[in-house]
Protein backbone atom coordinates (compact mmCIF):
# COMPACT_ATOMS: atom_id res chain seq x y z
CA MET A 1 126.72 128.07 144.88
CA SER A 2 123.72 125.76 143.91
CA ASP A 3 122.45 123.78 146.52
CA ARG A 4 123.15 120.63 144.84
CA LEU A 5 126.43 121.05 145.04
CA GLU A 6 126.57 121.49 148.98
CA ASN A 7 128.41 117.89 149.39
CA GLU A 8 131.18 119.12 148.17
CA ILE A 9 135.36 119.13 149.52
CA ASN A 10 137.33 122.06 147.62
CA PRO A 11 140.37 122.16 150.03
CA GLU A 12 142.03 124.62 147.03
CA GLY A 13 138.86 126.79 146.68
CA ILE A 14 138.70 126.44 142.84
CA GLU A 15 136.12 128.34 140.80
CA LYS A 16 137.43 129.14 137.42
CA VAL A 17 139.14 126.54 135.24
CA GLU A 18 139.54 125.52 131.42
CA MET A 19 139.58 121.73 131.99
CA VAL A 20 138.26 119.03 134.23
CA VAL A 21 138.86 115.59 134.35
CA CYS A 22 136.45 113.77 135.96
CA ILE A 23 136.31 110.62 137.50
CA PRO A 24 132.46 108.96 138.78
CA SER A 25 132.44 106.65 140.86
CA TYR A 26 130.48 103.96 143.79
CA ASN A 27 132.66 102.37 145.97
CA GLU A 28 135.71 102.24 144.38
CA ALA A 29 138.20 103.13 147.38
CA ASP A 30 139.95 99.76 146.24
CA SER A 31 140.96 101.44 142.79
CA ILE A 32 139.78 104.95 142.12
CA SER A 33 143.95 106.03 142.79
CA ASN A 34 145.23 104.58 139.85
CA PRO A 35 143.04 106.50 137.17
CA THR A 36 143.55 109.78 139.52
CA THR A 37 147.27 109.56 139.03
CA GLN A 38 147.22 108.83 135.56
CA ALA A 39 144.70 112.42 134.73
CA ASP A 40 147.42 114.20 137.33
CA LYS A 41 150.48 113.23 135.44
CA GLY A 42 148.31 113.61 131.58
CA LEU A 43 147.06 116.68 132.79
CA VAL A 44 150.82 117.66 134.17
CA LYS A 45 152.06 116.68 130.91
CA TYR A 46 149.74 117.61 128.10
CA PHE A 47 147.81 120.23 129.62
CA ARG A 48 150.43 122.18 131.57
CA ASP A 49 149.37 125.38 129.85
CA SER A 50 145.13 124.99 130.71
CA SER A 51 144.34 126.00 134.53
CA SER A 52 142.86 121.97 135.23
CA VAL A 53 141.05 120.09 138.50
CA ILE A 54 140.36 116.59 139.15
CA ILE A 55 136.63 116.19 140.53
CA ASN A 56 135.51 112.73 142.24
CA CYS A 57 131.86 112.31 141.36
CA ASP A 58 130.46 110.04 143.69
CA ASN A 59 126.80 108.25 145.14
CA ASP A 60 128.12 109.25 148.62
CA SER A 61 130.23 105.60 149.10
CA PRO A 62 130.41 104.28 151.95
CA ASP A 63 133.22 102.32 151.70
CA ASN A 64 135.70 105.60 152.17
CA THR A 65 136.15 106.11 147.96
CA ARG A 66 136.14 110.04 149.49
CA GLN A 67 139.60 109.69 150.97
CA ALA A 68 141.01 107.48 148.95
CA PHE A 69 140.50 109.95 146.50
CA LEU A 70 141.67 113.49 148.35
CA ASP A 71 144.75 111.15 149.69
CA THR A 72 146.14 110.29 146.50
CA PRO A 73 149.01 112.24 145.86
CA THR A 74 148.51 115.22 142.90
CA LYS A 75 149.91 118.30 141.56
CA VAL A 76 146.41 119.12 140.32
CA PRO A 77 143.94 120.72 142.64
CA LYS A 78 140.90 118.05 143.27
CA ILE A 79 137.38 118.58 144.11
CA TYR A 80 135.38 115.70 145.69
CA LEU A 81 131.16 116.31 144.62
CA SER A 82 128.97 114.09 146.08
CA THR A 83 125.03 113.12 145.37
CA PRO A 84 123.36 113.44 148.77
CA PRO A 85 122.95 110.44 151.02
CA GLY A 86 120.80 107.68 149.32
CA ILE A 87 120.88 109.16 145.97
CA LYS A 88 123.11 106.69 143.69
CA GLY A 89 123.42 106.40 140.07
CA LYS A 90 125.94 107.29 137.58
CA GLY A 91 123.62 109.59 135.75
CA ASN A 92 123.03 111.54 139.07
CA ASN A 93 127.05 112.19 139.64
CA PHE A 94 126.92 113.36 136.02
CA LYS A 95 124.43 115.75 136.91
CA ASN A 96 126.61 116.77 139.78
CA LEU A 97 129.78 117.43 137.02
CA PHE A 98 127.11 119.65 134.54
CA GLN A 99 126.43 122.03 137.23
CA LYS A 100 129.70 122.24 138.48
CA VAL A 101 131.30 122.73 134.79
CA VAL A 102 129.18 125.36 133.96
CA ASP A 103 129.78 126.95 137.18
CA LEU A 104 133.84 126.69 136.74
CA GLY A 105 133.03 127.99 133.11
CA ALA A 106 134.99 124.89 132.20
CA LYS A 107 136.40 124.80 128.52
CA ALA A 108 136.18 121.14 128.27
CA VAL A 109 136.04 118.10 130.18
CA VAL A 110 137.21 114.61 130.06
CA VAL A 111 135.52 111.80 131.80
CA VAL A 112 137.34 108.33 133.11
CA ASP A 113 135.90 105.17 134.58
CA ALA A 114 136.97 104.54 138.17
CA ASP A 115 137.41 101.11 137.60
CA LEU A 116 140.34 101.32 134.92
CA LYS A 117 142.96 98.92 135.00
CA SER A 118 144.53 100.31 131.38
CA ILE A 119 144.56 104.11 131.78
CA THR A 120 147.95 106.21 131.10
CA PRO A 121 148.17 109.54 131.07
CA GLU A 122 147.81 109.50 127.30
CA TRP A 123 144.44 108.74 127.48
CA ILE A 124 143.79 112.51 129.11
CA LYS A 125 145.67 113.45 125.91
CA HIS A 126 143.76 111.48 123.19
CA LEU A 127 140.56 112.66 125.06
CA GLY A 128 141.26 116.61 125.76
CA GLU A 129 142.96 117.69 122.99
CA PRO A 130 140.13 117.62 120.02
CA LEU A 131 138.59 119.50 122.39
CA PHE A 132 140.59 122.13 121.80
CA SER A 133 140.42 121.55 118.12
CA GLY A 134 137.08 122.63 117.19
CA PHE A 135 135.00 118.89 118.08
CA SER A 136 132.54 119.01 120.83
CA TYR A 137 132.13 115.53 122.04
CA VAL A 138 135.21 112.99 121.78
CA ALA A 139 134.17 109.18 122.16
CA PRO A 140 137.13 106.29 122.42
CA LEU A 141 138.29 103.89 120.07
CA TYR A 142 139.81 101.12 121.93
CA VAL A 143 140.76 97.15 121.61
CA ARG A 144 137.99 94.82 123.66
CA HIS A 145 138.00 91.53 123.43
CA LYS A 146 135.74 90.40 121.19
CA TYR A 147 133.18 89.52 123.53
CA ASP A 148 133.72 92.21 125.69
CA GLY A 149 130.67 95.25 125.07
CA THR A 150 128.44 92.83 124.17
CA ILE A 151 125.21 95.29 125.22
CA THR A 152 127.44 98.04 122.77
CA ASN A 153 128.36 95.53 119.76
CA GLY A 154 124.95 94.11 119.27
CA ILE A 155 122.33 97.23 120.14
CA ALA A 156 124.20 100.45 121.03
CA TYR A 157 126.43 100.95 118.49
CA PRO A 158 124.30 99.44 115.43
CA MET A 159 120.87 101.36 116.79
CA THR A 160 122.67 104.61 117.33
CA ARG A 161 124.11 104.02 113.76
CA ALA A 162 121.13 102.91 111.99
CA LEU A 163 118.84 105.93 114.01
CA TYR A 164 120.88 108.70 113.64
CA GLY A 165 123.77 108.40 111.25
CA GLY A 166 126.34 108.92 113.55
CA ARG A 167 129.29 105.81 113.44
CA VAL A 168 130.29 105.75 116.89
CA ARG A 169 131.65 102.84 117.93
CA GLN A 170 131.72 103.19 122.20
CA PRO A 171 128.38 105.42 122.50
CA ILE A 172 128.71 103.90 125.73
CA GLY A 173 132.17 103.91 126.33
CA GLY A 174 132.42 105.25 129.71
CA ASP A 175 135.57 107.32 129.46
CA PHE A 176 134.68 110.31 127.44
CA GLY A 177 135.43 113.78 126.27
CA PHE A 178 133.10 116.88 126.14
CA SER A 179 132.86 120.82 125.54
CA GLY A 180 132.00 123.23 128.19
CA GLU A 181 129.07 124.36 125.96
CA LEU A 182 128.11 120.63 125.38
CA GLY A 183 127.61 120.38 129.34
CA ALA A 184 125.28 123.13 129.72
CA VAL A 185 122.94 122.04 126.91
CA TYR A 186 123.34 118.75 129.21
CA LEU A 187 122.55 120.45 132.26
CA LYS A 188 119.35 122.13 130.70
CA ASN A 189 117.84 118.77 128.79
CA LYS A 190 114.97 118.12 130.08
CA ALA A 191 114.79 114.48 128.82
CA TRP A 192 115.89 112.81 132.13
CA ASP A 193 114.23 109.53 133.63
CA ASP A 194 115.24 107.06 136.36
CA SER A 195 117.38 105.18 134.02
CA VAL A 196 119.05 108.32 132.79
CA ALA A 197 120.21 108.99 136.48
CA ASN A 198 122.04 105.41 136.54
CA PHE A 199 123.44 103.46 133.23
CA GLY A 200 121.69 105.14 130.23
CA ILE A 201 123.38 108.30 131.20
CA ASP A 202 126.49 107.20 128.65
CA ILE A 203 124.33 106.50 125.91
CA TRP A 204 122.12 109.25 126.75
CA MET A 205 125.19 112.05 126.47
CA THR A 206 126.22 110.41 122.58
CA THR A 207 122.49 110.87 121.51
CA LEU A 208 121.98 114.16 122.45
CA ALA A 209 125.65 115.40 121.39
CA ILE A 210 124.33 113.65 117.62
CA ASN A 211 121.73 115.41 117.76
CA GLN A 212 122.85 119.08 118.51
CA ARG A 213 124.70 118.70 115.11
CA ILE A 214 127.53 119.51 116.76
CA GLN A 215 131.45 118.19 115.89
CA ILE A 216 132.30 114.50 117.06
CA CYS A 217 135.48 112.75 116.69
CA GLN A 218 136.24 109.24 117.84
CA SER A 219 139.82 109.15 119.44
CA PHE A 220 142.18 105.87 119.22
CA MET A 221 142.90 105.25 123.29
CA GLY A 222 146.52 103.58 122.29
CA ARG A 223 145.74 100.47 124.87
CA PRO A 224 142.94 98.52 124.92
CA LYS A 225 140.27 98.80 127.84
CA ILE A 226 140.67 96.97 130.83
CA HIS A 227 138.32 97.27 133.60
CA ARG A 228 136.34 94.48 135.64
CA THR A 229 135.37 92.35 132.64
CA LYS A 230 132.08 90.01 132.82
CA ASP A 231 131.03 87.17 130.98
CA PRO A 232 127.67 88.81 129.68
CA GLY A 233 125.30 85.81 130.27
CA ALA A 234 126.00 86.45 134.03
CA HIS A 235 126.12 90.14 135.24
CA LEU A 236 123.34 92.02 133.27
CA GLY A 237 121.52 93.91 136.06
CA PRO A 238 119.61 97.04 135.97
CA MET A 239 122.28 98.69 133.51
CA PHE A 240 120.89 96.26 129.92
CA ARG A 241 117.56 98.15 131.25
CA GLN A 242 118.51 101.25 131.48
CA VAL A 243 120.93 101.63 128.69
CA VAL A 244 117.84 99.77 126.23
CA GLY A 245 115.21 101.60 127.51
CA THR A 246 117.01 105.05 127.19
CA ILE A 247 118.02 103.63 123.58
CA PHE A 248 113.98 103.52 123.31
CA SER A 249 112.49 106.32 125.16
CA MET A 250 114.86 109.07 123.15
CA MET A 251 113.35 107.95 119.91
CA GLY A 252 110.44 109.26 121.12
CA HIS A 253 112.38 112.34 121.43
CA PHE A 254 114.49 112.59 117.98
CA GLU A 255 111.58 111.25 115.75
CA PRO A 256 111.81 114.41 113.77
CA PHE A 257 115.83 114.11 113.41
CA TRP A 258 116.40 109.81 113.22
CA SER A 259 113.18 109.59 110.67
CA LYS A 260 114.46 111.66 107.61
CA VAL A 261 118.02 109.93 108.29
CA LYS A 262 118.95 107.72 105.37
CA TYR A 263 122.23 106.23 106.23
CA SER A 264 125.20 106.77 108.26
CA ARG A 265 128.37 108.60 107.75
CA PRO A 266 132.23 108.26 109.08
CA THR A 267 132.72 110.20 112.31
CA ALA A 268 136.15 111.85 112.11
CA ILE A 269 139.47 109.93 114.19
CA TYR A 270 141.60 111.83 116.16
CA GLY A 271 145.10 109.77 116.07
CA PHE A 272 146.77 107.80 114.79
CA GLY A 273 145.59 103.70 114.03
CA LEU A 274 146.98 101.58 116.83
CA GLY A 275 150.11 99.62 115.20
CA GLU A 276 151.35 97.15 117.04
CA VAL A 277 148.53 96.35 119.78
CA GLU A 278 148.39 94.98 122.80
CA MET A 279 145.87 91.92 123.28
CA PRO A 280 142.75 92.65 125.50
CA PRO A 281 142.07 90.20 127.87
CA LYS A 282 140.05 87.33 127.51
CA VAL A 283 136.26 86.92 128.26
CA GLU A 284 135.20 83.51 128.52
CA VAL A 285 131.23 83.09 127.72
CA ASN A 286 129.03 80.33 129.00
CA THR A 287 127.11 79.43 125.96
CA GLN A 288 125.03 77.12 127.45
CA ASN A 289 123.91 79.73 130.00
CA LEU A 290 123.03 81.65 126.95
CA LEU A 291 120.91 79.37 125.06
CA ASP A 292 119.08 77.73 128.49
CA LYS A 293 117.93 81.59 129.21
CA PHE A 294 117.09 81.66 125.38
CA HIS A 295 114.94 78.75 125.63
CA GLY A 296 113.57 80.24 129.35
CA GLY A 297 112.49 83.20 127.29
CA PHE A 298 109.80 81.18 125.77
CA ASP A 299 107.98 79.99 128.93
CA ASP A 300 108.04 83.79 131.10
CA TYR A 301 107.02 85.77 128.00
CA HIS A 302 106.06 84.37 125.01
CA SER A 303 102.64 85.94 124.81
CA LEU A 304 104.28 89.84 125.85
CA TRP A 305 106.16 88.83 122.36
CA GLU A 306 103.34 87.45 120.62
CA GLU A 307 101.78 91.29 121.44
CA ILE A 308 104.62 93.51 120.60
CA LEU A 309 106.39 91.87 117.67
CA ALA A 310 105.23 91.63 114.00
CA LYS A 311 103.86 88.17 113.32
CA ASP A 312 106.23 86.78 110.76
CA VAL A 313 108.98 87.63 113.61
CA TYR A 314 107.62 86.17 116.20
CA GLN A 315 107.23 82.86 114.28
CA LYS A 316 110.78 83.33 113.36
CA LEU A 317 111.50 82.93 116.51
CA PHE A 318 109.99 79.72 117.58
CA GLU A 319 111.80 78.25 114.42
CA ILE A 320 115.35 78.79 115.71
CA LYS A 321 114.02 77.88 119.51
CA GLY A 322 114.43 74.48 118.04
CA MET A 323 117.67 74.44 116.58
CA LYS A 324 120.37 72.56 118.39
CA GLU A 325 123.69 74.64 119.91
CA ARG A 326 125.13 73.29 117.03
CA GLU A 327 123.36 74.79 114.58
CA PHE A 328 121.73 77.48 116.77
CA ASN A 329 122.04 80.82 114.03
CA PHE A 330 119.70 83.95 115.17
CA PRO A 331 120.17 85.87 112.25
CA THR A 332 120.90 90.00 112.23
CA ASP A 333 117.98 90.73 110.57
CA LEU A 334 116.10 88.95 112.49
CA TRP A 335 117.51 90.72 115.75
CA ALA A 336 117.08 93.91 114.08
CA ARG A 337 113.39 93.54 113.87
CA VAL A 338 113.23 92.76 117.15
CA LEU A 339 114.67 95.46 118.04
CA PHE A 340 112.71 97.75 116.14
CA ASP A 341 109.58 96.38 117.08
CA MET A 342 109.91 96.30 120.57
CA ALA A 343 111.20 100.47 119.89
CA VAL A 344 107.81 100.69 118.51
CA GLY A 345 106.21 98.87 122.10
CA TYR A 346 108.44 100.93 124.12
CA GLN A 347 106.67 103.91 122.84
CA TYR A 348 103.21 102.99 122.35
CA SER A 349 102.82 100.15 123.76
CA THR A 350 100.27 99.81 127.08
CA THR A 351 102.64 96.76 128.51
CA ASP A 352 104.63 97.62 131.38
CA GLN A 353 107.86 99.15 130.12
CA ASP A 354 110.16 97.54 132.85
CA LEU A 355 108.61 94.06 131.78
CA MET A 356 109.38 94.46 128.22
CA MET A 357 112.72 94.96 128.74
CA GLU A 358 113.01 91.87 131.03
CA SER A 359 111.17 90.19 127.98
CA LEU A 360 113.98 91.84 125.65
CA ILE A 361 116.85 89.68 127.44
CA PRO A 362 116.41 86.04 126.91
CA LEU A 363 116.27 87.70 123.37
CA TYR A 364 119.53 89.23 123.71
CA PHE A 365 121.62 86.01 125.03
CA GLY A 366 119.91 84.06 122.03
CA ARG A 367 121.61 86.67 119.67
CA THR A 368 124.73 86.92 121.96
CA LEU A 369 124.85 83.37 121.49
CA SER A 370 124.73 83.78 118.21
CA PHE A 371 127.56 86.18 117.43
CA VAL A 372 129.85 84.08 119.64
CA LYS A 373 129.77 81.06 117.62
CA ARG A 374 129.74 83.03 114.38
CA THR A 375 132.84 84.56 115.61
CA ARG A 376 134.56 82.46 117.79
CA LYS A 377 137.51 81.42 115.14
CA MET A 378 137.85 84.97 114.15
CA SER A 379 140.41 88.08 114.97
CA ILE A 380 139.08 90.77 116.45
CA LYS A 381 139.72 92.62 113.58
CA GLN A 382 137.81 89.72 111.63
CA ALA A 383 134.95 90.73 114.48
CA GLU A 384 134.90 94.02 114.02
CA GLU A 385 134.23 93.37 110.54
CA ALA A 386 131.37 91.10 111.73
CA ILE A 387 130.34 94.00 113.53
CA GLU A 388 130.24 96.34 111.07
CA ASP A 389 128.24 94.22 108.67
CA ASP A 390 125.61 93.44 111.44
CA CYS A 391 124.69 97.49 111.34
CA MET A 392 124.92 98.04 107.53
CA THR A 393 122.16 94.78 108.05
CA PHE A 394 120.08 97.19 110.93
CA GLU A 395 120.44 100.14 108.23
CA MET A 396 118.54 98.35 105.29
CA THR A 397 116.10 97.24 108.04
CA LYS A 398 115.42 100.74 108.86
CA PRO A 399 112.44 101.03 106.60
CA TYR A 400 110.88 98.43 108.06
CA LEU A 401 110.99 100.65 111.60
CA LEU A 402 109.77 103.63 110.18
CA GLN A 403 106.84 101.75 108.36
CA ARG A 404 105.89 100.08 112.25
CA TRP A 405 106.66 103.46 113.85
CA MET A 406 104.06 105.29 111.40
CA GLU A 407 101.53 102.70 111.54
CA LYS A 408 101.43 102.73 115.39
CA LYS A 409 101.68 106.34 115.68
CA SER A 410 98.53 106.86 113.45
CA SER A 411 96.86 104.44 115.65
CA SER A 412 97.49 105.49 118.40
CA ASN A 413 96.49 109.71 117.67
């Protein structure tokens, strides 16, 4: 057994399985029992012909997550894995998972978030079944409130789609499936840093999957994602820096691939449309707070922006700064160029990368405010169409990225 898995509790001595359901956690004692129970029901109902195990990959949670997980009654065997004391991060949990998947020789792996309130046994079916039908990576499709997942809607989805040509609507969905073979690819990959060891892990996995040229699908989950939702202007913390930093740093690794991608293609969808749809819980947004934080950015970061952004992009920001909330608009093509300039700066500028990520946050708040205003009277479906339009704008603006990237690349050599 590898030394990394010394913090393992495997009551039934499981050594080989075909199917794994993993629940990554940190301090989820109050919530982990529900996804564990649902995973058990899903495995018993839909995968009774496959040997399976439920694994909790934990960060040595002090709140007794371990006991809450092990004490949850299940028919399927369970394994508890932990990072060593003091080692935190969702990505570090996944490193343990990749190792364990390889050790167990698993064919299929399904991952679900530990704080999920809406998970049903069918989620295990939707994420697991395609892995036995020729797909190697399964991303979720669920209905979310139009203001839940603003990092996905405003950055991760349009950037991933424009760069790599894969339309994966939830590239950081938190619930997904992957093949055992892909698990081995993840385990060996060297493009690993602090951001990936934390919240950057989901976008890292999706980006690597797309770049492996394997069969990817999206699977309808049948219920909205209901978890601990947050006002996009209130709780960003390190997640923003880690997700966006991972997107930017991976552009360096995969430049030979994305620089040749001209447009995106639809990704296969597994399962049927949602029919009658349950509505996700509402996400409240404090628009004044978003505007204040956008304006605050000019005091703190204007000189950094001037250094990183193209001259006309920088000037346009000052034009929209003067707008009142009522007429405020941060156009998509400007937002795309801000992100593209930042990505180039992240790769080739001498400015501190963490500081660059911090300076992007007020601009992201401004862009989120613009999206909230534009979609305020829209249904979820109409807001989805608006996001699709944004993605097309990103794709049309991509030549700008290529030009800026190649200019900086040749001047830094």
